[in-house]
Amino acid sequence: MDKFVIKGGTRLSGSIKLKASKNAVLPILSACLLLTKGDLIIHNVPDVLDVRVMLKLLSKLGAKCDFDKSTGTVVLNTEGVNEVEAPYNLVRRMRASFMVLGPLLARFGRARVSLPGGCAIGARPVDQHLRGFRALGAKIKEEHGYIDAKLDSGLKGGIVYFDRPSHTGTENIMMGAVFASGETTIINAACDPEVVDLANLLNAMGGRVYGAGTSVIRIEGVKRLQSVEYTPIGDRLEGGTYLFAALGTGGDVTVEGIKPQHLTLPLLKMAEMGGELEIRRDWIRLKMKGRCYPANFTTFPYPGFPTDLQACAMAVSTKADGTSYVRETVFENRFLHVMELMRLGANLHIMGDQVIVTGVEKLNGAEVMASDIRAGAGLVIAGMMAEGETSVLRVYHIDRGYQSLENGLNKLGAKIKRKNI
């Protein structure tokens, strides 16, 4: 296993170009299973562990996958897919792999998919996915840790609703409903940009998806899809990570290849904390001088403040000139980084679903451990803000969502070394 060794006290400066959003790429890769003829070509794909796992899963199902890591281009051909079972040893490694359920069910009328795994940030049940597919005519049972779904005569359009917007649930139902007879309506759908990106891909392939980006999505079933080339959106979470890092280190950083509207609320919060922003069509520049102001954060489904940037915001707040409040409403176990930040000297106090962050003048380097992708990113930011040397263990979590995060930050002036333990 590797660790990051960070020499703190450096100020970030420069520009960084983003890869495509991991959370957009993963459902797009799943959607290739709907294509019965021709290739699906995806550009600017990040070489991260989650993408590698998804490609292994698709290969296991019979797809031909060619990933040119130097260009970020993936070529997929699923004409020879002949398996409908997604095994535990792959699905357990990340939750997004559960999204092969919809495409397999739509194409073959049968799917057997292991219950998913992923980061230890709390329960993320798939019951809403299953209820949605049942509403479209699927017969589903759970046995031996697997979901076994079958159809008598194809999916049939209907009304699917979520009690709470589900990002992966919305995408799974969208892909399944593409071949359903009639019209499917998803009520209380997730509005995330990655959901819109998947809808744009499906429509480019000949699908009929309407309303993506709103809480009501309609899908008119079609008979088949066609091969296309597609470039997913830039990674708003990676971009937010670099911008929070600039904020915390008093830096001057430009992130390119991103739609600023995908980060509206985080950018407003950065400005509230004292960041000076320059925003254009596809890039964002943040300049920071002096100590940050405190701010309050409440995570919420898009367009609310992203739970995936909560740890980064908390890390920056640890040295703010005052008291900040961070409330987590999406996952019940997403404060595992709090104790690690306290090892660096942060003054934090957990009260239920809220953390009270009293800013301190300095952090001191220490050994800390990443518990998930975004917690790890937050700890890296804190390590750059701390005096002395910080070691971040279990960086394989970070590698699931960031392509060589240390190289990107070093390009901006950070001093981070990856070492094998």
Protein backbone atom coordinates (compact mmCIF):
# COMPACT_ATOMS: atom_id res chain seq x y z
CA MET A 1 0.00 0.00 0.00
CA ASP A 2 1.10 3.58 -0.67
CA LYS A 3 1.02 6.71 1.42
CA PHE A 4 1.42 10.41 0.70
CA VAL A 5 4.15 12.31 2.53
CA ILE A 6 3.30 16.02 2.45
CA LYS A 7 5.57 18.92 3.33
CA GLY A 8 3.19 21.62 4.44
CA GLY A 9 3.29 25.38 4.17
CA THR A 10 3.40 25.68 0.38
CA ARG A 11 1.21 28.06 -1.58
CA LEU A 12 -0.48 26.64 -4.69
CA SER A 13 -0.24 28.57 -7.94
CA GLY A 14 -0.86 27.80 -11.61
CA SER A 15 -3.45 26.06 -13.76
CA ILE A 16 -4.71 22.50 -14.04
CA LYS A 17 -6.86 20.88 -16.76
CA LEU A 18 -9.48 18.45 -15.53
CA LYS A 19 -10.29 14.98 -16.78
CA ALA A 20 -13.87 13.87 -17.36
CA SER A 21 -16.03 13.36 -14.30
CA LYS A 22 -15.58 9.92 -12.77
CA ASN A 23 -19.21 10.00 -11.65
CA ALA A 24 -20.31 10.74 -15.21
CA VAL A 25 -18.00 8.21 -16.84
CA LEU A 26 -19.09 5.21 -14.74
CA PRO A 27 -22.80 5.21 -15.77
CA ILE A 28 -21.77 6.03 -19.33
CA LEU A 29 -19.58 2.92 -19.36
CA SER A 30 -22.53 0.91 -18.02
CA ALA A 31 -24.71 2.27 -20.82
CA CYS A 32 -22.49 0.55 -23.39
CA LEU A 33 -24.31 -2.68 -22.50
CA LEU A 34 -27.37 -1.28 -24.29
CA LEU A 35 -25.46 -1.16 -27.59
CA THR A 36 -25.91 -4.35 -29.62
CA LYS A 37 -23.95 -3.23 -32.68
CA GLY A 38 -20.92 -0.99 -33.20
CA ASP A 39 -18.56 0.76 -30.79
CA LEU A 40 -19.07 3.30 -28.05
CA ILE A 41 -16.04 5.63 -27.92
CA ILE A 42 -15.54 7.77 -24.81
CA HIS A 43 -12.89 10.50 -24.58
CA ASN A 44 -10.97 12.17 -21.71
CA VAL A 45 -11.63 9.26 -19.34
CA PRO A 46 -9.63 9.43 -16.07
CA ASP A 47 -7.32 6.53 -15.23
CA VAL A 48 -8.70 5.94 -11.74
CA LEU A 49 -9.32 2.69 -9.88
CA ASP A 50 -13.11 2.89 -10.15
CA VAL A 51 -12.90 3.14 -13.94
CA ARG A 52 -10.55 0.16 -14.03
CA VAL A 53 -12.97 -1.89 -11.93
CA MET A 54 -15.89 -0.99 -14.19
CA LEU A 55 -13.91 -2.01 -17.28
CA LYS A 56 -13.00 -5.32 -15.61
CA LEU A 57 -16.67 -5.90 -14.88
CA LEU A 58 -17.68 -5.15 -18.47
CA SER A 59 -14.96 -7.49 -19.72
CA LYS A 60 -16.25 -10.18 -17.37
CA LEU A 61 -19.68 -9.80 -18.97
CA GLY A 62 -18.17 -10.32 -22.44
CA ALA A 63 -17.46 -6.77 -23.63
CA LYS A 64 -14.32 -5.80 -25.53
CA CYS A 65 -12.68 -2.88 -23.73
CA ASP A 66 -9.71 -0.91 -25.03
CA PHE A 67 -8.45 1.89 -22.76
CA ASP A 68 -5.67 4.10 -24.10
CA LYS A 69 -4.47 5.66 -20.84
CA SER A 70 -2.20 8.14 -22.63
CA THR A 71 -5.14 9.80 -24.41
CA GLY A 72 -7.96 8.86 -22.05
CA THR A 73 -9.95 7.20 -24.85
CA VAL A 74 -12.02 4.10 -24.17
CA VAL A 75 -13.40 2.00 -27.05
CA LEU A 76 -16.15 -0.43 -26.05
CA ASN A 77 -17.85 -3.14 -28.06
CA THR A 78 -20.60 -5.15 -26.38
CA GLU A 79 -21.88 -7.21 -29.32
CA GLY A 80 -20.44 -10.33 -27.67
CA VAL A 81 -21.82 -9.79 -24.17
CA ASN A 82 -23.17 -13.15 -23.05
CA GLU A 83 -23.17 -12.94 -19.25
CA VAL A 84 -25.87 -11.43 -17.07
CA GLU A 85 -24.21 -11.95 -13.69
CA ALA A 86 -22.08 -9.23 -12.08
CA PRO A 87 -20.03 -11.04 -9.42
CA TYR A 88 -19.40 -10.01 -5.85
CA ASN A 89 -15.61 -9.77 -6.17
CA LEU A 90 -16.03 -6.80 -8.54
CA VAL A 91 -19.31 -5.17 -7.46
CA ARG A 92 -18.20 -5.10 -3.81
CA ARG A 93 -15.38 -2.72 -4.73
CA MET A 94 -17.63 0.19 -5.71
CA ARG A 95 -21.29 1.04 -5.63
CA ALA A 96 -21.46 2.37 -9.20
CA SER A 97 -21.01 -1.12 -10.60
CA PHE A 98 -24.58 -1.86 -9.50
CA MET A 99 -25.67 0.30 -12.44
CA VAL A 100 -25.18 -2.58 -14.86
CA LEU A 101 -28.52 -3.91 -13.52
CA GLY A 102 -30.67 -1.60 -15.66
CA PRO A 103 -28.86 -2.14 -18.98
CA LEU A 104 -28.64 -5.93 -18.51
CA LEU A 105 -32.30 -6.17 -17.60
CA ALA A 106 -33.33 -3.99 -20.54
CA ARG A 107 -31.22 -5.90 -23.07
CA PHE A 108 -31.50 -9.51 -21.89
CA GLY A 109 -34.60 -9.56 -19.69
CA ARG A 110 -32.51 -10.98 -16.87
CA ALA A 111 -29.79 -9.77 -14.52
CA ARG A 112 -28.06 -11.15 -11.46
CA VAL A 113 -26.03 -8.49 -9.71
CA SER A 114 -24.25 -8.63 -6.37
CA LEU A 115 -25.25 -6.14 -3.71
CA PRO A 116 -22.77 -3.25 -3.98
CA GLY A 117 -19.85 -2.06 -1.90
CA GLY A 118 -17.74 1.10 -1.93
CA CYS A 119 -16.64 3.66 0.64
CA ALA A 120 -17.49 3.26 4.33
CA ILE A 121 -19.53 6.46 4.53
CA GLY A 122 -22.84 4.95 5.60
CA ALA A 123 -25.74 2.95 4.30
CA ARG A 124 -26.62 3.48 0.64
CA PRO A 125 -29.46 1.05 0.08
CA VAL A 126 -30.56 -0.03 -3.38
CA ASP A 127 -34.20 -0.49 -2.38
CA GLN A 128 -35.27 2.53 -4.45
CA HIS A 129 -33.59 1.07 -7.54
CA LEU A 130 -35.45 -2.20 -7.02
CA ARG A 131 -38.80 -0.57 -6.35
CA GLY A 132 -38.38 1.37 -9.59
CA PHE A 133 -37.69 -1.72 -11.67
CA ARG A 134 -40.63 -3.52 -10.07
CA ALA A 135 -42.82 -0.60 -11.17
CA LEU A 136 -41.64 -1.31 -14.73
CA GLY A 137 -42.59 -4.99 -14.53
CA ALA A 138 -39.47 -6.71 -13.21
CA LYS A 139 -39.70 -9.65 -10.82
CA ILE A 140 -36.97 -9.25 -8.26
CA LYS A 141 -35.73 -11.34 -5.38
CA GLU A 142 -32.70 -11.14 -3.14
CA GLU A 143 -30.79 -14.29 -2.29
CA HIS A 144 -27.27 -15.11 -1.15
CA GLY A 145 -26.17 -11.47 -1.42
CA TYR A 146 -27.37 -11.10 -5.02
CA ILE A 147 -30.27 -9.31 -6.69
CA ASP A 148 -31.94 -11.62 -9.21
CA ALA A 149 -34.17 -9.71 -11.64
CA LYS A 150 -36.28 -11.22 -14.43
CA LEU A 151 -38.83 -10.09 -16.99
CA ASP A 152 -41.68 -12.04 -18.54
CA SER A 153 -42.00 -9.89 -21.66
CA GLY A 154 -39.76 -6.83 -21.47
CA LEU A 155 -39.88 -3.70 -19.34
CA LYS A 156 -43.10 -1.69 -19.59
CA GLY A 157 -43.24 2.06 -19.17
CA GLY A 158 -44.69 3.33 -15.93
CA ILE A 159 -44.26 5.79 -13.06
CA VAL A 160 -41.20 5.50 -10.85
CA TYR A 161 -40.75 7.74 -7.82
CA PHE A 162 -38.00 8.21 -5.27
CA ASP A 163 -38.64 9.16 -1.65
CA ARG A 164 -35.38 11.09 -1.83
CA PRO A 165 -33.45 11.92 -5.02
CA SER A 166 -31.11 9.05 -5.82
CA HIS A 167 -28.22 9.81 -8.17
CA THR A 168 -27.40 6.22 -9.15
CA GLY A 169 -31.04 5.17 -8.85
CA THR A 170 -32.11 7.78 -11.39
CA GLU A 171 -29.37 6.70 -13.81
CA ASN A 172 -30.12 3.00 -13.40
CA ILE A 173 -33.83 3.48 -14.14
CA MET A 174 -33.04 5.81 -17.07
CA MET A 175 -30.89 3.17 -18.73
CA GLY A 176 -33.39 0.39 -18.09
CA ALA A 177 -36.32 2.45 -19.39
CA VAL A 178 -34.61 3.26 -22.71
CA PHE A 179 -35.93 -0.03 -24.17
CA ALA A 180 -39.18 -0.16 -22.17
CA SER A 181 -42.41 -0.14 -24.13
CA GLY A 182 -44.32 3.11 -23.79
CA GLU A 183 -43.30 6.03 -21.59
CA THR A 184 -41.57 5.99 -18.22
CA THR A 185 -41.76 8.93 -15.81
CA ILE A 186 -39.28 9.35 -12.95
CA ILE A 187 -40.61 11.61 -10.20
CA ASN A 188 -38.25 13.25 -7.69
CA ALA A 189 -35.33 12.38 -9.95
CA ALA A 190 -31.79 13.47 -9.11
CA CYS A 191 -30.82 16.71 -10.89
CA ASP A 192 -27.04 16.24 -10.88
CA PRO A 193 -25.01 17.31 -13.95
CA GLU A 194 -23.83 13.71 -14.31
CA VAL A 195 -27.46 12.59 -14.73
CA VAL A 196 -27.86 15.18 -17.49
CA ASP A 197 -24.64 13.95 -19.10
CA LEU A 198 -25.93 10.37 -19.19
CA ALA A 199 -29.20 11.56 -20.72
CA ASN A 200 -27.24 13.49 -23.36
CA LEU A 201 -25.28 10.34 -24.23
CA LEU A 202 -28.43 8.21 -24.46
CA ASN A 203 -30.07 10.81 -26.69
CA ALA A 204 -26.97 10.98 -28.90
CA MET A 205 -27.31 7.19 -29.28
CA GLY A 206 -30.93 7.55 -30.38
CA GLY A 207 -32.72 7.45 -27.04
CA ARG A 208 -35.58 9.73 -26.06
CA VAL A 209 -34.92 11.15 -22.62
CA TYR A 210 -36.57 14.44 -21.65
CA GLY A 211 -36.33 16.65 -18.56
CA ALA A 212 -32.92 15.54 -17.26
CA GLY A 213 -31.69 18.16 -14.82
CA THR A 214 -35.18 18.61 -13.39
CA SER A 215 -37.03 16.56 -10.79
CA VAL A 216 -39.25 14.92 -13.44
CA ILE A 217 -37.68 12.89 -16.25
CA ARG A 218 -39.58 11.22 -19.08
CA ILE A 219 -38.19 8.38 -21.19
CA GLU A 220 -39.92 7.18 -24.35
CA GLY A 221 -38.84 3.65 -25.17
CA VAL A 222 -36.97 2.90 -28.40
CA LYS A 223 -36.06 -0.37 -30.12
CA ARG A 224 -32.30 0.10 -30.44
CA LEU A 225 -29.40 2.49 -29.94
CA GLN A 226 -26.56 3.46 -32.28
CA SER A 227 -22.81 3.81 -31.78
CA VAL A 228 -21.38 7.26 -31.02
CA GLU A 229 -18.28 9.11 -29.84
CA TYR A 230 -18.77 11.14 -26.68
CA THR A 231 -16.80 13.36 -24.29
CA PRO A 232 -18.27 13.52 -20.76
CA ILE A 233 -18.34 16.68 -18.66
CA GLY A 234 -15.36 17.80 -16.60
CA ASP A 235 -15.13 16.60 -13.01
CA ARG A 236 -16.75 19.24 -10.79
CA LEU A 237 -15.60 17.41 -7.64
CA GLU A 238 -11.98 17.29 -8.76
CA GLY A 239 -12.25 20.96 -9.71
CA GLY A 240 -13.77 21.80 -6.33
CA THR A 241 -10.95 19.95 -4.59
CA TYR A 242 -8.26 22.01 -6.35
CA LEU A 243 -10.14 25.25 -5.66
CA PHE A 244 -10.56 24.46 -1.95
CA ALA A 245 -6.86 23.58 -1.87
CA ALA A 246 -6.07 27.04 -3.29
CA LEU A 247 -8.38 28.61 -0.71
CA GLY A 248 -6.72 26.77 2.17
CA THR A 249 -3.13 27.46 1.09
CA GLY A 250 -3.64 31.12 0.15
CA GLY A 251 -3.05 30.25 -3.47
CA ASP A 252 -3.90 31.38 -6.99
CA VAL A 253 -5.22 28.44 -9.04
CA THR A 254 -7.13 28.12 -12.30
CA VAL A 255 -9.04 24.94 -13.15
CA GLU A 256 -9.85 24.39 -16.82
CA GLY A 257 -12.33 22.12 -18.54
CA ILE A 258 -15.27 22.65 -16.19
CA LYS A 259 -18.70 24.25 -16.38
CA PRO A 260 -18.83 26.79 -13.52
CA GLN A 261 -22.60 26.35 -13.13
CA HIS A 262 -21.92 22.83 -11.87
CA LEU A 263 -20.21 24.35 -8.81
CA THR A 264 -22.50 27.31 -8.14
CA LEU A 265 -23.06 26.80 -4.40
CA PRO A 266 -19.46 25.75 -3.58
CA LEU A 267 -18.18 28.83 -5.45
CA LEU A 268 -20.52 31.08 -3.48
CA LYS A 269 -19.20 29.53 -0.26
CA MET A 270 -15.59 30.02 -1.38
CA ALA A 271 -16.34 33.68 -2.06
CA GLU A 272 -17.98 33.94 1.37
CA MET A 273 -14.74 32.63 2.88
CA GLY A 274 -12.71 35.34 1.17
CA GLY A 275 -11.77 33.76 -2.15
CA GLU A 276 -11.54 36.09 -5.13
CA LEU A 277 -13.10 34.37 -8.15
CA GLU A 278 -12.79 34.91 -11.86
CA ILE A 279 -15.26 32.82 -13.84
CA ARG A 280 -15.47 32.18 -17.56
CA ARG A 281 -17.33 29.71 -19.78
CA ASP A 282 -15.07 26.72 -19.14
CA TRP A 283 -12.61 27.75 -16.41
CA ILE A 284 -12.52 29.13 -12.88
CA ARG A 285 -9.71 31.06 -11.17
CA LEU A 286 -9.51 31.46 -7.40
CA LYS A 287 -7.10 33.80 -5.62
CA MET A 288 -6.81 33.91 -1.84
CA LYS A 289 -4.87 36.19 0.46
CA GLY A 290 -4.70 35.93 4.21
CA ARG A 291 -6.81 33.87 6.57
CA CYS A 292 -10.21 32.51 5.52
CA TYR A 293 -13.47 33.74 6.97
CA PRO A 294 -15.72 31.13 8.63
CA ALA A 295 -18.78 29.78 6.80
CA ASN A 296 -21.61 27.33 7.38
CA PHE A 297 -22.13 24.30 5.13
CA THR A 298 -25.12 21.98 4.82
CA THR A 299 -24.74 19.10 2.38
CA PHE A 300 -27.75 18.36 0.20
CA PRO A 301 -28.50 16.72 -3.17
CA TYR A 302 -27.69 18.86 -6.21
CA PRO A 303 -27.95 21.83 -6.55
CA GLY A 304 -27.15 21.87 -2.82
CA PHE A 305 -23.65 21.77 -1.41
CA PRO A 306 -22.07 18.44 -2.47
CA THR A 307 -21.45 15.88 0.24
CA ASP A 308 -18.35 14.93 -1.77
CA LEU A 309 -16.79 18.35 -1.03
CA GLN A 310 -17.72 18.38 2.65
CA ALA A 311 -14.33 17.11 3.86
CA CYS A 312 -12.47 19.67 1.72
CA ALA A 313 -14.62 22.50 3.07
CA MET A 314 -14.09 21.29 6.64
CA ALA A 315 -10.34 21.06 6.15
CA VAL A 316 -10.15 24.68 4.97
CA SER A 317 -12.43 25.79 7.82
CA THR A 318 -10.03 24.41 10.44
CA LYS A 319 -7.84 27.52 10.04
CA ALA A 320 -10.63 30.05 9.44
CA ASP A 321 -10.80 33.17 11.58
CA GLY A 322 -13.88 32.14 13.55
CA THR A 323 -16.34 29.27 13.95
CA SER A 324 -17.88 27.32 11.10
CA TYR A 325 -20.69 24.76 11.18
CA VAL A 326 -20.73 21.74 8.86
CA ARG A 327 -23.94 19.72 8.68
CA GLU A 328 -24.14 16.40 6.82
CA THR A 329 -27.62 15.41 5.60
CA VAL A 330 -26.75 12.89 2.86
CA PHE A 331 -24.73 10.15 4.61
CA GLU A 332 -24.89 9.30 8.29
CA ASN A 333 -21.28 8.16 8.62
CA ARG A 334 -19.35 10.81 6.72
CA PHE A 335 -17.44 12.34 9.62
CA LEU A 336 -14.71 9.70 9.79
CA HIS A 337 -12.15 12.35 8.82
CA VAL A 338 -12.96 14.47 11.89
CA MET A 339 -10.72 12.51 14.26
CA GLU A 340 -7.95 12.56 11.66
CA LEU A 341 -8.15 16.35 11.32
CA MET A 342 -7.98 16.60 15.10
CA ARG A 343 -4.67 14.70 14.97
CA LEU A 344 -3.37 17.68 12.99
CA GLY A 345 -4.49 20.06 15.73
CA ALA A 346 -7.92 21.06 14.42
CA ASN A 347 -10.54 22.12 16.98
CA LEU A 348 -13.62 20.09 16.03
CA HIS A 349 -16.67 18.93 17.94
CA ILE A 350 -19.31 16.51 16.61
CA MET A 351 -22.92 17.13 17.63
CA GLY A 352 -25.19 14.63 15.87
CA ASP A 353 -25.20 15.42 12.16
CA GLN A 354 -23.16 18.59 12.65
CA VAL A 355 -19.51 19.44 13.28
CA ILE A 356 -18.56 22.69 15.01
CA VAL A 357 -15.26 23.89 13.56
CA THR A 358 -13.43 26.49 15.64
CA GLY A 359 -10.60 27.87 13.55
CA VAL A 360 -7.05 27.62 14.87
CA GLU A 361 -4.01 29.65 13.83
CA LYS A 362 -1.96 26.66 12.78
CA LEU A 363 -2.09 22.93 12.11
CA ASN A 364 0.82 20.61 12.80
CA GLY A 365 1.87 17.66 10.65
CA ALA A 366 0.97 14.15 11.82
CA GLU A 367 0.15 10.70 10.48
CA VAL A 368 -3.48 10.37 9.37
CA MET A 369 -5.56 7.81 7.48
CA ALA A 370 -8.03 8.19 4.61
CA SER A 371 -11.37 6.41 5.11
CA ASP A 372 -12.88 7.18 1.69
CA ILE A 373 -12.14 9.05 -1.53
CA ARG A 374 -13.23 12.52 -0.46
CA ALA A 375 -12.09 12.27 3.16
CA GLY A 376 -8.66 11.46 1.77
CA ALA A 377 -8.71 14.56 -0.43
CA GLY A 378 -9.68 16.69 2.56
CA LEU A 379 -6.78 15.29 4.58
CA VAL A 380 -4.36 16.06 1.75
CA ILE A 381 -5.55 19.68 1.76
CA ALA A 382 -5.14 19.84 5.54
CA GLY A 383 -1.65 18.37 5.21
CA MET A 384 -0.68 21.13 2.79
CA MET A 385 -2.04 23.70 5.25
CA ALA A 386 -0.16 22.20 8.22
CA GLU A 387 3.33 23.01 9.41
CA GLY A 388 5.88 20.24 9.10
CA GLU A 389 5.32 16.81 7.56
CA THR A 390 2.03 14.94 7.23
CA SER A 391 1.63 11.33 6.12
CA VAL A 392 -1.71 10.25 4.63
CA LEU A 393 -2.19 6.49 4.73
CA ARG A 394 -4.54 4.34 2.62
CA VAL A 395 -4.27 6.55 -0.44
CA TYR A 396 -5.80 3.75 -2.51
CA HIS A 397 -9.10 5.35 -1.49
CA ILE A 398 -7.98 8.62 -3.11
CA ASP A 399 -6.83 6.73 -6.22
CA ARG A 400 -10.39 5.50 -6.73
CA GLY A 401 -11.54 9.00 -7.64
CA TYR A 402 -8.50 11.11 -8.57
CA GLN A 403 -5.95 10.41 -11.28
CA SER A 404 -2.57 11.02 -9.60
CA LEU A 405 -3.83 13.73 -7.27
CA GLU A 406 -0.31 14.24 -5.94
CA ASN A 407 1.03 14.99 -9.44
CA GLY A 408 -1.69 17.54 -10.08
CA LEU A 409 -1.04 19.31 -6.79
CA ASN A 410 2.75 19.16 -7.26
CA LYS A 411 2.31 20.84 -10.62
CA LEU A 412 0.74 23.71 -8.69
CA GLY A 413 3.61 23.90 -6.21
CA ALA A 414 2.74 21.33 -3.53
CA LYS A 415 5.42 19.07 -2.08
CA ILE A 416 3.89 15.59 -1.98
CA LYS A 417 5.68 12.29 -2.39
CA ARG A 418 4.06 8.91 -2.88
CA LYS A 419 5.85 6.21 -0.92
CA ASN A 420 5.26 2.50 -0.67
CA ILE A 421 4.69 1.29 2.87
